[in-house]
């Protein structure tokens, strides 16, 4: 069993998936355009994760850093906390020239995005 306190390869389940206050602030700000923003965020994020997988396979730390940075920022705007945190971790690994070892972290970002999408859909369905 791995008891390392700062494991970079596991999704932190104690961290909220969506920050309620940030999410609601953005919804209030954008009003009727909010649903469109969500769809663009999800589509762009899925594409960025695909591009991150390619960057990881090609050991392209520069592109990986830029994509992780963009994903982190977009996620922060919506309050997608887990995606933001994991993207920040990937950004740091790319800065350290370690993208080639980050396949698990990229998959954890993909899982966190799926969780965020599920929670967003629940919130929008209310």
N, C-alpha and C. Protein backbone atom coordinates (compact mmCIF):
# COMPACT_ATOMS: atom_id res chain seq x y z
N UNK A 1 0.84 -1.19 0.00
CA UNK A 1 0.00 0.00 0.00
C UNK A 1 0.88 1.24 0.00
N UNK A 2 0.56 2.21 -0.83
CA UNK A 2 1.35 3.42 -0.97
C UNK A 2 0.84 4.48 0.00
N UNK A 3 1.66 4.86 0.97
CA UNK A 3 1.26 5.86 1.96
C UNK A 3 1.96 7.19 1.77
N UNK A 4 2.45 7.46 0.56
CA UNK A 4 3.12 8.72 0.32
C UNK A 4 2.11 9.86 0.39
N UNK A 5 2.40 10.92 1.17
CA UNK A 5 1.42 11.97 1.39
C UNK A 5 1.09 12.80 0.16
N UNK A 6 2.01 13.00 -0.75
CA UNK A 6 1.77 13.87 -1.89
C UNK A 6 1.85 13.10 -3.19
N UNK A 7 1.17 11.99 -3.28
CA UNK A 7 1.18 11.18 -4.48
C UNK A 7 0.60 11.98 -5.65
N UNK A 8 1.32 12.00 -6.75
CA UNK A 8 0.87 12.74 -7.93
C UNK A 8 0.04 11.87 -8.86
N UNK A 9 -0.19 10.61 -8.50
CA UNK A 9 -0.87 9.72 -9.42
C UNK A 9 -2.25 9.30 -8.95
N UNK A 10 -2.79 9.93 -7.93
CA UNK A 10 -4.13 9.60 -7.48
C UNK A 10 -4.99 10.85 -7.43
N UNK A 11 -6.24 10.69 -7.81
CA UNK A 11 -7.19 11.79 -7.72
C UNK A 11 -7.55 11.95 -6.25
N UNK A 12 -7.42 13.15 -5.74
CA UNK A 12 -7.73 13.40 -4.33
C UNK A 12 -9.24 13.41 -4.15
N UNK A 13 -9.75 12.40 -3.45
CA UNK A 13 -11.19 12.30 -3.30
C UNK A 13 -11.73 13.20 -2.20
N UNK A 14 -10.85 13.74 -1.34
CA UNK A 14 -11.32 14.62 -0.28
C UNK A 14 -11.46 16.06 -0.77
N UNK A 15 -11.02 16.34 -1.96
CA UNK A 15 -11.11 17.68 -2.52
C UNK A 15 -12.41 17.79 -3.31
N UNK A 16 -13.10 18.90 -3.16
CA UNK A 16 -14.36 19.07 -3.86
C UNK A 16 -14.15 19.01 -5.37
N UNK A 17 -15.13 18.51 -6.06
CA UNK A 17 -15.05 18.39 -7.52
C UNK A 17 -15.29 19.75 -8.15
N UNK A 18 -16.34 20.43 -7.70
CA UNK A 18 -16.69 21.77 -8.19
C UNK A 18 -16.81 22.70 -6.99
N UNK A 19 -16.15 23.84 -7.07
CA UNK A 19 -16.28 24.86 -6.03
C UNK A 19 -17.62 25.57 -6.25
N UNK A 20 -18.53 25.39 -5.31
CA UNK A 20 -19.89 25.90 -5.45
C UNK A 20 -19.91 27.42 -5.68
N UNK A 21 -19.16 28.15 -4.87
CA UNK A 21 -19.19 29.62 -4.97
C UNK A 21 -18.68 30.10 -6.33
N UNK A 22 -17.56 29.55 -6.79
CA UNK A 22 -17.01 29.95 -8.09
C UNK A 22 -17.98 29.61 -9.22
N UNK A 23 -18.55 28.42 -9.16
CA UNK A 23 -19.49 27.96 -10.18
C UNK A 23 -20.71 28.89 -10.25
N UNK A 24 -21.29 29.19 -9.10
CA UNK A 24 -22.49 30.03 -9.06
C UNK A 24 -22.17 31.48 -9.44
N UNK A 25 -20.99 31.97 -9.06
CA UNK A 25 -20.59 33.33 -9.47
C UNK A 25 -20.52 33.43 -10.99
N UNK A 26 -19.94 32.40 -11.63
CA UNK A 26 -19.83 32.41 -13.09
C UNK A 26 -21.21 32.28 -13.73
N UNK A 27 -22.07 31.45 -13.14
CA UNK A 27 -23.43 31.29 -13.67
C UNK A 27 -24.18 32.63 -13.58
N UNK A 28 -24.07 33.32 -12.44
CA UNK A 28 -24.74 34.62 -12.27
C UNK A 28 -24.19 35.66 -13.24
N UNK A 29 -22.90 35.62 -13.47
CA UNK A 29 -22.26 36.60 -14.35
C UNK A 29 -22.70 36.42 -15.81
N UNK A 30 -22.75 35.18 -16.26
CA UNK A 30 -23.01 34.91 -17.67
C UNK A 30 -24.49 34.68 -18.00
N UNK A 31 -25.28 34.41 -16.99
CA UNK A 31 -26.72 34.19 -17.15
C UNK A 31 -27.02 33.19 -18.26
N UNK A 32 -27.71 33.62 -19.33
CA UNK A 32 -28.14 32.67 -20.37
C UNK A 32 -26.98 32.12 -21.20
N UNK A 33 -25.82 32.75 -21.16
CA UNK A 33 -24.67 32.25 -21.91
C UNK A 33 -23.90 31.17 -21.15
N UNK A 34 -24.29 30.92 -19.91
CA UNK A 34 -23.56 29.98 -19.07
C UNK A 34 -23.57 28.56 -19.64
N UNK A 35 -24.70 28.10 -20.11
CA UNK A 35 -24.79 26.74 -20.67
C UNK A 35 -23.86 26.57 -21.86
N UNK A 36 -23.76 27.62 -22.69
CA UNK A 36 -22.84 27.57 -23.83
C UNK A 36 -21.39 27.48 -23.36
N UNK A 37 -21.06 28.24 -22.32
CA UNK A 37 -19.71 28.21 -21.77
C UNK A 37 -19.37 26.81 -21.28
N UNK A 38 -20.30 26.17 -20.60
CA UNK A 38 -20.08 24.81 -20.09
C UNK A 38 -19.79 23.86 -21.24
N UNK A 39 -20.57 23.93 -22.30
CA UNK A 39 -20.36 23.03 -23.44
C UNK A 39 -19.00 23.26 -24.09
N UNK A 40 -18.62 24.52 -24.24
CA UNK A 40 -17.31 24.84 -24.81
C UNK A 40 -16.19 24.34 -23.89
N UNK A 41 -16.34 24.57 -22.59
CA UNK A 41 -15.33 24.12 -21.62
C UNK A 41 -15.15 22.60 -21.71
N UNK A 42 -16.24 21.86 -21.72
CA UNK A 42 -16.15 20.40 -21.74
C UNK A 42 -15.53 19.91 -23.04
N UNK A 43 -15.96 20.45 -24.16
CA UNK A 43 -15.41 20.03 -25.46
C UNK A 43 -13.92 20.38 -25.56
N UNK A 44 -13.57 21.61 -25.18
CA UNK A 44 -12.17 22.03 -25.21
C UNK A 44 -11.31 21.19 -24.28
N UNK A 45 -11.84 20.90 -23.09
CA UNK A 45 -11.07 20.13 -22.11
C UNK A 45 -10.82 18.71 -22.59
N UNK A 46 -11.83 18.09 -23.19
CA UNK A 46 -11.64 16.74 -23.75
C UNK A 46 -10.55 16.76 -24.82
N UNK A 47 -10.59 17.79 -25.68
CA UNK A 47 -9.58 17.91 -26.74
C UNK A 47 -8.19 18.14 -26.14
N UNK A 48 -8.12 18.96 -25.11
CA UNK A 48 -6.83 19.22 -24.47
C UNK A 48 -6.26 17.94 -23.85
N UNK A 49 -7.12 17.12 -23.26
CA UNK A 49 -6.63 15.86 -22.68
C UNK A 49 -6.10 14.95 -23.78
N UNK A 50 -6.78 14.89 -24.91
CA UNK A 50 -6.27 14.10 -26.04
C UNK A 50 -4.92 14.61 -26.49
N UNK A 51 -4.78 15.93 -26.56
CA UNK A 51 -3.52 16.53 -26.97
C UNK A 51 -2.44 16.29 -25.93
N UNK A 52 -2.82 16.28 -24.65
CA UNK A 52 -1.85 15.97 -23.59
C UNK A 52 -1.32 14.54 -23.73
N UNK A 53 -2.19 13.62 -24.09
CA UNK A 53 -1.75 12.23 -24.29
C UNK A 53 -0.70 12.15 -25.39
N UNK A 54 -0.93 12.89 -26.48
CA UNK A 54 0.04 12.91 -27.58
C UNK A 54 1.34 13.55 -27.11
N UNK A 55 1.24 14.66 -26.40
CA UNK A 55 2.44 15.34 -25.89
C UNK A 55 3.24 14.42 -24.97
N UNK A 56 2.53 13.65 -24.16
CA UNK A 56 3.20 12.72 -23.25
C UNK A 56 3.94 11.64 -24.05
N UNK A 57 3.28 11.09 -25.05
CA UNK A 57 3.90 10.05 -25.88
C UNK A 57 5.10 10.58 -26.65
N UNK A 58 5.02 11.85 -27.06
CA UNK A 58 6.11 12.46 -27.83
C UNK A 58 7.13 13.16 -26.93
N UNK A 59 6.94 13.06 -25.62
CA UNK A 59 7.82 13.69 -24.64
C UNK A 59 7.98 15.19 -24.91
N UNK A 60 6.87 15.84 -25.23
CA UNK A 60 6.83 17.26 -25.55
C UNK A 60 6.43 18.06 -24.31
N UNK A 61 7.43 18.36 -23.48
CA UNK A 61 7.17 19.08 -22.24
C UNK A 61 6.66 20.49 -22.47
N UNK A 62 7.13 21.15 -23.52
CA UNK A 62 6.71 22.53 -23.78
C UNK A 62 5.22 22.58 -24.10
N UNK A 63 4.79 21.75 -25.03
CA UNK A 63 3.37 21.72 -25.38
C UNK A 63 2.54 21.22 -24.20
N UNK A 64 3.03 20.21 -23.49
CA UNK A 64 2.32 19.71 -22.32
C UNK A 64 2.11 20.80 -21.28
N UNK A 65 3.15 21.59 -21.05
CA UNK A 65 3.05 22.69 -20.09
C UNK A 65 1.97 23.68 -20.51
N UNK A 66 1.99 24.07 -21.78
CA UNK A 66 1.03 25.07 -22.28
C UNK A 66 -0.40 24.55 -22.19
N UNK A 67 -0.61 23.29 -22.55
CA UNK A 67 -1.96 22.72 -22.51
C UNK A 67 -2.43 22.59 -21.06
N UNK A 68 -1.55 22.11 -20.19
CA UNK A 68 -1.92 21.97 -18.77
C UNK A 68 -2.24 23.34 -18.18
N UNK A 69 -1.49 24.36 -18.57
CA UNK A 69 -1.73 25.71 -18.08
C UNK A 69 -3.11 26.21 -18.54
N UNK A 70 -3.44 26.00 -19.81
CA UNK A 70 -4.74 26.43 -20.33
C UNK A 70 -5.88 25.67 -19.65
N UNK A 71 -5.70 24.38 -19.45
CA UNK A 71 -6.73 23.57 -18.79
C UNK A 71 -6.91 24.00 -17.33
N UNK A 72 -5.81 24.31 -16.68
CA UNK A 72 -5.87 24.78 -15.29
C UNK A 72 -6.66 26.09 -15.21
N UNK A 73 -6.38 27.02 -16.10
CA UNK A 73 -7.06 28.31 -16.08
C UNK A 73 -8.54 28.21 -16.37
N UNK A 74 -8.89 27.43 -17.39
CA UNK A 74 -10.30 27.26 -17.75
C UNK A 74 -11.05 26.58 -16.60
N UNK A 75 -10.42 25.62 -15.98
CA UNK A 75 -11.05 24.90 -14.87
C UNK A 75 -11.22 25.81 -13.65
N UNK A 76 -10.25 26.66 -13.41
CA UNK A 76 -10.33 27.60 -12.30
C UNK A 76 -11.52 28.55 -12.48
N UNK A 77 -11.75 28.99 -13.71
CA UNK A 77 -12.86 29.90 -13.99
C UNK A 77 -14.20 29.30 -13.62
N UNK A 78 -14.35 28.00 -13.82
CA UNK A 78 -15.62 27.34 -13.53
C UNK A 78 -15.65 26.72 -12.14
N UNK A 79 -14.52 26.71 -11.47
CA UNK A 79 -14.46 26.10 -10.15
C UNK A 79 -14.29 24.60 -10.19
N UNK A 80 -13.77 24.06 -11.29
CA UNK A 80 -13.50 22.63 -11.41
C UNK A 80 -12.19 22.33 -10.67
N UNK A 81 -12.31 22.19 -9.36
CA UNK A 81 -11.16 22.17 -8.45
C UNK A 81 -10.20 21.01 -8.71
N UNK A 82 -10.72 19.80 -8.85
CA UNK A 82 -9.83 18.65 -9.05
C UNK A 82 -9.08 18.74 -10.37
N UNK A 83 -9.77 19.13 -11.44
CA UNK A 83 -9.11 19.28 -12.74
C UNK A 83 -8.03 20.34 -12.63
N UNK A 84 -8.34 21.43 -11.97
CA UNK A 84 -7.38 22.52 -11.80
C UNK A 84 -6.14 22.05 -11.03
N UNK A 85 -6.34 21.36 -9.92
CA UNK A 85 -5.23 20.90 -9.09
C UNK A 85 -4.34 19.92 -9.85
N UNK A 86 -4.95 18.96 -10.51
CA UNK A 86 -4.18 17.95 -11.25
C UNK A 86 -3.46 18.58 -12.45
N UNK A 87 -4.10 19.54 -13.11
CA UNK A 87 -3.45 20.23 -14.23
C UNK A 87 -2.25 21.02 -13.74
N UNK A 88 -2.37 21.61 -12.56
CA UNK A 88 -1.25 22.33 -11.97
C UNK A 88 -0.09 21.38 -11.68
N UNK A 89 -0.41 20.18 -11.18
CA UNK A 89 0.63 19.18 -10.94
C UNK A 89 1.32 18.79 -12.24
N UNK A 90 0.54 18.60 -13.31
CA UNK A 90 1.12 18.24 -14.60
C UNK A 90 1.99 19.37 -15.13
N UNK A 91 1.54 20.58 -14.93
CA UNK A 91 2.31 21.74 -15.37
C UNK A 91 3.69 21.72 -14.70
N UNK A 92 3.73 21.41 -13.43
CA UNK A 92 5.01 21.35 -12.70
C UNK A 92 5.88 20.21 -13.21
N UNK A 93 5.27 19.06 -13.49
CA UNK A 93 6.05 17.92 -14.02
C UNK A 93 6.65 18.28 -15.38
N UNK A 94 5.90 19.01 -16.20
CA UNK A 94 6.41 19.45 -17.50
C UNK A 94 7.56 20.44 -17.31
N UNK A 95 7.43 21.31 -16.34
CA UNK A 95 8.50 22.27 -16.05
C UNK A 95 9.78 21.53 -15.66
N UNK A 96 9.60 20.38 -15.01
CA UNK A 96 10.74 19.54 -14.60
C UNK A 96 11.17 18.58 -15.70
N UNK A 97 10.57 18.72 -16.90
CA UNK A 97 10.89 17.88 -18.06
C UNK A 97 10.55 16.41 -17.82
N UNK A 98 9.44 16.15 -17.15
CA UNK A 98 9.05 14.78 -16.78
C UNK A 98 7.74 14.33 -17.41
N UNK A 99 7.31 14.94 -18.50
CA UNK A 99 6.01 14.56 -19.08
C UNK A 99 6.00 13.10 -19.51
N UNK A 100 7.14 12.57 -19.89
CA UNK A 100 7.18 11.18 -20.37
C UNK A 100 6.74 10.19 -19.30
N UNK A 101 6.78 10.59 -18.03
CA UNK A 101 6.42 9.72 -16.92
C UNK A 101 5.02 10.01 -16.37
N UNK A 102 4.21 10.81 -17.08
CA UNK A 102 2.97 11.32 -16.52
C UNK A 102 1.69 10.74 -17.12
N UNK A 103 1.76 9.57 -17.73
CA UNK A 103 0.55 8.97 -18.32
C UNK A 103 -0.55 8.80 -17.27
N UNK A 104 -0.19 8.33 -16.07
CA UNK A 104 -1.20 8.13 -15.02
C UNK A 104 -1.82 9.45 -14.60
N UNK A 105 -1.01 10.49 -14.47
CA UNK A 105 -1.54 11.80 -14.07
C UNK A 105 -2.50 12.33 -15.13
N UNK A 106 -2.16 12.16 -16.39
CA UNK A 106 -3.05 12.62 -17.46
C UNK A 106 -4.37 11.85 -17.42
N UNK A 107 -4.32 10.56 -17.15
CA UNK A 107 -5.56 9.79 -17.04
C UNK A 107 -6.36 10.23 -15.82
N UNK A 108 -5.69 10.61 -14.74
CA UNK A 108 -6.40 11.13 -13.56
C UNK A 108 -7.08 12.46 -13.88
N UNK A 109 -6.47 13.27 -14.73
CA UNK A 109 -7.11 14.51 -15.17
C UNK A 109 -8.38 14.18 -15.96
N UNK A 110 -8.29 13.17 -16.82
CA UNK A 110 -9.46 12.76 -17.61
C UNK A 110 -10.59 12.28 -16.69
N UNK A 111 -10.25 11.51 -15.66
CA UNK A 111 -11.26 11.03 -14.70
C UNK A 111 -11.86 12.22 -13.94
N UNK A 112 -11.01 13.15 -13.52
CA UNK A 112 -11.50 14.33 -12.80
C UNK A 112 -12.44 15.15 -13.69
N UNK A 113 -12.13 15.24 -14.98
CA UNK A 113 -13.01 15.96 -15.90
C UNK A 113 -14.36 15.25 -16.01
N UNK A 114 -14.35 13.93 -16.06
CA UNK A 114 -15.61 13.18 -16.11
C UNK A 114 -16.43 13.44 -14.85
N UNK A 115 -15.78 13.45 -13.71
CA UNK A 115 -16.49 13.73 -12.45
C UNK A 115 -17.05 15.15 -12.45
N UNK A 116 -16.25 16.09 -12.95
CA UNK A 116 -16.71 17.47 -13.01
C UNK A 116 -17.92 17.59 -13.94
N UNK A 117 -17.87 16.91 -15.08
CA UNK A 117 -19.00 16.95 -16.01
C UNK A 117 -20.26 16.38 -15.37
N UNK A 118 -20.12 15.27 -14.65
CA UNK A 118 -21.28 14.69 -13.97
C UNK A 118 -21.87 15.65 -12.96
N UNK A 119 -21.01 16.28 -12.16
CA UNK A 119 -21.52 17.22 -11.16
C UNK A 119 -22.13 18.46 -11.80
N UNK A 120 -21.51 18.96 -12.86
CA UNK A 120 -22.06 20.11 -13.57
C UNK A 120 -23.44 19.78 -14.12
N UNK A 121 -23.57 18.60 -14.73
CA UNK A 121 -24.86 18.20 -15.28
C UNK A 121 -25.91 18.08 -14.19
N UNK A 122 -25.53 17.59 -13.03
CA UNK A 122 -26.47 17.51 -11.90
C UNK A 122 -26.89 18.92 -11.47
N UNK A 123 -25.92 19.82 -11.38
CA UNK A 123 -26.25 21.19 -10.96
C UNK A 123 -27.14 21.90 -11.97
N UNK A 124 -26.88 21.69 -13.24
CA UNK A 124 -27.68 22.35 -14.27
C UNK A 124 -29.06 21.72 -14.39
N UNK A 125 -29.20 20.47 -13.97
CA UNK A 125 -30.49 19.81 -14.02
C UNK A 125 -31.43 20.21 -12.91
N UNK A 126 -30.91 20.93 -11.92
CA UNK A 126 -31.74 21.32 -10.77
C UNK A 126 -32.60 22.51 -11.08
